[in-house]
């Protein structure tokens, strides 16, 4: 699944266009490397998302095309920020 779609489906970012811009502007890293919106997300990937001054780090647990709002949190788990 594309990175921008994963961010939207998992509800880490509300809109896919915003997720797309975040990826293209190097505000999202996957496994420590900047990732474009077209990156193919896999289970086990570690995402680091920059929201202004705040950074959110998550590990991908599940990749699904559609998920109910209540189940979206099960697609990832937050992890402590790295260095």
N, C-alpha and C. Protein backbone atom coordinates (compact mmCIF):
# COMPACT_ATOMS: atom_id res chain seq x y z
N UNK A 1 0.84 -1.17 0.00
CA UNK A 1 0.00 0.00 0.00
C UNK A 1 0.89 1.24 0.00
N UNK A 2 0.49 2.25 -0.76
CA UNK A 2 1.25 3.50 -0.81
C UNK A 2 1.28 4.17 0.56
N UNK A 3 2.36 4.87 0.83
CA UNK A 3 2.54 5.56 2.10
C UNK A 3 1.42 6.56 2.36
N UNK A 4 1.08 7.39 1.37
CA UNK A 4 0.03 8.39 1.59
C UNK A 4 -1.31 7.74 1.92
N UNK A 5 -1.62 6.63 1.26
CA UNK A 5 -2.88 5.94 1.54
C UNK A 5 -2.86 5.31 2.92
N UNK A 6 -1.72 4.72 3.32
CA UNK A 6 -1.61 4.13 4.66
C UNK A 6 -1.84 5.19 5.74
N UNK A 7 -1.21 6.36 5.57
CA UNK A 7 -1.36 7.43 6.57
C UNK A 7 -2.82 7.87 6.69
N UNK A 8 -3.54 7.88 5.58
CA UNK A 8 -4.94 8.27 5.61
C UNK A 8 -5.81 7.17 6.21
N UNK A 9 -5.64 5.92 5.73
CA UNK A 9 -6.47 4.81 6.21
C UNK A 9 -6.25 4.58 7.71
N UNK A 10 -5.02 4.72 8.18
CA UNK A 10 -4.72 4.52 9.60
C UNK A 10 -5.10 5.74 10.43
N UNK A 11 -5.49 6.80 9.76
CA UNK A 11 -5.93 8.05 10.38
C UNK A 11 -4.82 8.77 11.16
N UNK A 12 -3.56 8.51 10.76
CA UNK A 12 -2.45 9.29 11.30
C UNK A 12 -2.49 10.70 10.72
N UNK A 13 -2.94 10.81 9.46
CA UNK A 13 -3.17 12.10 8.80
C UNK A 13 -4.56 12.03 8.20
N UNK A 14 -5.35 13.10 8.38
CA UNK A 14 -6.76 13.06 8.02
C UNK A 14 -7.05 12.99 6.53
N UNK A 15 -6.26 13.69 5.72
CA UNK A 15 -6.53 13.72 4.28
C UNK A 15 -5.36 13.18 3.48
N UNK A 16 -5.69 12.48 2.41
CA UNK A 16 -4.64 11.87 1.60
C UNK A 16 -3.78 12.94 0.92
N UNK A 17 -4.38 14.06 0.53
CA UNK A 17 -3.58 15.11 -0.11
C UNK A 17 -2.55 15.67 0.86
N UNK A 18 -2.93 15.80 2.13
CA UNK A 18 -1.99 16.28 3.15
C UNK A 18 -0.89 15.24 3.36
N UNK A 19 -1.27 13.96 3.37
CA UNK A 19 -0.29 12.88 3.52
C UNK A 19 0.67 12.87 2.33
N UNK A 20 0.13 13.12 1.14
CA UNK A 20 0.95 13.17 -0.07
C UNK A 20 1.97 14.30 0.01
N UNK A 21 1.53 15.48 0.45
CA UNK A 21 2.43 16.63 0.59
C UNK A 21 3.49 16.36 1.66
N UNK A 22 3.11 15.73 2.76
CA UNK A 22 4.07 15.42 3.83
C UNK A 22 5.17 14.51 3.31
N UNK A 23 4.79 13.53 2.52
CA UNK A 23 5.79 12.62 1.96
C UNK A 23 6.70 13.33 0.97
N UNK A 24 6.14 14.15 0.12
CA UNK A 24 6.92 14.84 -0.89
C UNK A 24 7.82 15.94 -0.31
N UNK A 25 7.47 16.44 0.88
CA UNK A 25 8.26 17.49 1.51
C UNK A 25 9.21 16.94 2.58
N UNK A 26 9.49 15.64 2.53
CA UNK A 26 10.45 14.97 3.42
C UNK A 26 10.09 15.12 4.90
N UNK A 27 8.80 15.16 5.23
CA UNK A 27 8.39 15.21 6.63
C UNK A 27 8.06 13.82 7.16
N UNK A 28 8.20 12.81 6.29
CA UNK A 28 7.96 11.42 6.70
C UNK A 28 9.20 10.60 6.37
N UNK A 29 9.69 9.86 7.37
CA UNK A 29 10.80 8.95 7.10
C UNK A 29 10.33 7.53 7.39
N UNK A 30 10.85 6.58 6.62
CA UNK A 30 10.54 5.17 6.81
C UNK A 30 11.87 4.46 7.07
N UNK A 31 11.95 3.83 8.22
CA UNK A 31 13.18 3.12 8.63
C UNK A 31 14.40 4.05 8.55
N UNK A 32 14.21 5.31 8.92
CA UNK A 32 15.32 6.26 8.99
C UNK A 32 15.64 6.98 7.69
N UNK A 33 14.92 6.69 6.61
CA UNK A 33 15.18 7.34 5.32
C UNK A 33 13.97 8.14 4.88
N UNK A 34 14.18 9.32 4.32
CA UNK A 34 13.03 10.08 3.79
C UNK A 34 12.29 9.26 2.74
N UNK A 35 10.96 9.31 2.78
CA UNK A 35 10.16 8.50 1.86
C UNK A 35 9.17 9.36 1.10
N UNK A 36 9.01 9.06 -0.17
CA UNK A 36 8.00 9.73 -1.00
C UNK A 36 6.64 9.11 -0.72
N UNK A 37 5.59 9.81 -1.16
CA UNK A 37 4.22 9.34 -0.95
C UNK A 37 3.97 8.00 -1.63
N UNK A 38 4.74 7.67 -2.65
CA UNK A 38 4.52 6.43 -3.39
C UNK A 38 5.24 5.22 -2.77
N UNK A 39 5.96 5.41 -1.65
CA UNK A 39 6.66 4.30 -1.00
C UNK A 39 5.67 3.19 -0.65
N UNK A 40 6.06 1.94 -0.83
CA UNK A 40 5.22 0.78 -0.55
C UNK A 40 5.40 0.36 0.91
N UNK A 41 4.41 0.65 1.74
CA UNK A 41 4.48 0.35 3.18
C UNK A 41 4.30 -1.15 3.41
N UNK A 42 5.14 -1.71 4.30
CA UNK A 42 5.07 -3.12 4.66
C UNK A 42 4.99 -3.26 6.18
N UNK A 43 4.47 -4.38 6.64
CA UNK A 43 4.41 -4.67 8.08
C UNK A 43 5.83 -4.68 8.62
N UNK A 44 6.04 -4.00 9.75
CA UNK A 44 7.35 -3.94 10.37
C UNK A 44 8.08 -2.63 10.09
N UNK A 45 7.62 -1.87 9.09
CA UNK A 45 8.24 -0.57 8.80
C UNK A 45 8.06 0.37 9.98
N UNK A 46 9.07 1.20 10.20
CA UNK A 46 8.99 2.23 11.25
C UNK A 46 8.87 3.59 10.58
N UNK A 47 7.75 4.26 10.86
CA UNK A 47 7.47 5.57 10.27
C UNK A 47 7.72 6.65 11.30
N UNK A 48 8.31 7.74 10.85
CA UNK A 48 8.51 8.91 11.70
C UNK A 48 7.89 10.09 10.97
N UNK A 49 6.87 10.71 11.56
CA UNK A 49 6.10 11.77 10.91
C UNK A 49 6.30 13.07 11.68
N UNK A 50 6.68 14.11 10.96
CA UNK A 50 6.95 15.42 11.55
C UNK A 50 5.69 16.29 11.42
N UNK A 51 5.10 16.66 12.56
CA UNK A 51 3.96 17.58 12.61
C UNK A 51 4.43 18.87 13.27
N UNK A 52 4.99 19.79 12.51
CA UNK A 52 5.51 21.03 13.10
C UNK A 52 6.62 20.71 14.07
N UNK A 53 6.41 21.03 15.36
CA UNK A 53 7.41 20.76 16.39
C UNK A 53 7.31 19.34 16.94
N UNK A 54 6.20 18.66 16.67
CA UNK A 54 5.96 17.33 17.22
C UNK A 54 6.36 16.25 16.22
N UNK A 55 6.96 15.18 16.72
CA UNK A 55 7.31 14.04 15.89
C UNK A 55 6.62 12.80 16.44
N UNK A 56 5.96 12.07 15.56
CA UNK A 56 5.27 10.84 15.95
C UNK A 56 6.00 9.66 15.30
N UNK A 57 6.35 8.66 16.11
CA UNK A 57 7.03 7.46 15.61
C UNK A 57 6.09 6.28 15.81
N UNK A 58 5.88 5.51 14.73
CA UNK A 58 5.01 4.34 14.81
C UNK A 58 5.64 3.17 14.07
N UNK A 59 5.22 1.97 14.48
CA UNK A 59 5.61 0.75 13.77
C UNK A 59 4.36 0.18 13.13
N UNK A 60 4.46 -0.18 11.86
CA UNK A 60 3.32 -0.72 11.11
C UNK A 60 3.07 -2.15 11.56
N UNK A 61 1.83 -2.43 12.01
CA UNK A 61 1.46 -3.77 12.46
C UNK A 61 0.58 -4.48 11.44
N UNK A 62 -0.16 -3.69 10.64
CA UNK A 62 -1.11 -4.28 9.70
C UNK A 62 -1.30 -3.32 8.54
N UNK A 63 -1.49 -3.87 7.35
CA UNK A 63 -1.75 -3.06 6.16
C UNK A 63 -3.08 -3.54 5.58
N UNK A 64 -4.10 -2.68 5.61
CA UNK A 64 -5.42 -3.02 5.08
C UNK A 64 -5.93 -1.88 4.22
N UNK A 65 -6.61 -2.23 3.13
CA UNK A 65 -7.15 -1.21 2.21
C UNK A 65 -8.24 -0.37 2.87
N UNK A 66 -9.11 -1.01 3.64
CA UNK A 66 -10.18 -0.30 4.32
C UNK A 66 -10.25 -0.78 5.76
N UNK A 67 -10.50 0.16 6.66
CA UNK A 67 -10.57 -0.15 8.09
C UNK A 67 -11.61 0.77 8.71
N UNK A 68 -12.39 0.23 9.65
CA UNK A 68 -13.33 1.07 10.39
C UNK A 68 -12.55 2.03 11.27
N UNK A 69 -13.15 3.16 11.57
CA UNK A 69 -12.49 4.19 12.37
C UNK A 69 -11.99 3.63 13.70
N UNK A 70 -12.79 2.82 14.37
CA UNK A 70 -12.41 2.27 15.67
C UNK A 70 -11.24 1.29 15.58
N UNK A 71 -11.08 0.64 14.42
CA UNK A 71 -10.03 -0.35 14.26
C UNK A 71 -8.74 0.22 13.68
N UNK A 72 -8.75 1.50 13.27
CA UNK A 72 -7.59 2.11 12.61
C UNK A 72 -6.36 2.12 13.52
N UNK A 73 -6.57 2.26 14.81
CA UNK A 73 -5.45 2.30 15.76
C UNK A 73 -4.70 0.97 15.78
N UNK A 74 -5.35 -0.11 15.40
CA UNK A 74 -4.71 -1.42 15.38
C UNK A 74 -3.74 -1.61 14.23
N UNK A 75 -3.68 -0.66 13.32
CA UNK A 75 -2.78 -0.77 12.17
C UNK A 75 -1.34 -0.41 12.52
N UNK A 76 -1.14 0.24 13.67
CA UNK A 76 0.19 0.68 14.07
C UNK A 76 0.28 0.73 15.58
N UNK A 77 1.51 0.83 16.09
CA UNK A 77 1.71 1.09 17.52
C UNK A 77 2.75 2.18 17.65
N UNK A 78 2.51 3.08 18.59
CA UNK A 78 3.48 4.16 18.81
C UNK A 78 4.72 3.60 19.49
N UNK A 79 5.86 4.11 19.08
CA UNK A 79 7.13 3.70 19.66
C UNK A 79 7.87 4.96 20.09
N UNK A 80 8.80 4.84 21.03
CA UNK A 80 9.57 6.02 21.46
C UNK A 80 10.39 6.59 20.29
N UNK A 81 10.50 7.91 20.26
CA UNK A 81 11.29 8.58 19.21
C UNK A 81 12.75 8.15 19.30
N UNK A 82 13.34 7.96 18.14
CA UNK A 82 14.74 7.52 18.10
C UNK A 82 15.66 8.73 17.99
N UNK A 83 16.65 8.78 18.86
CA UNK A 83 17.70 9.78 18.85
C UNK A 83 17.31 11.05 18.32
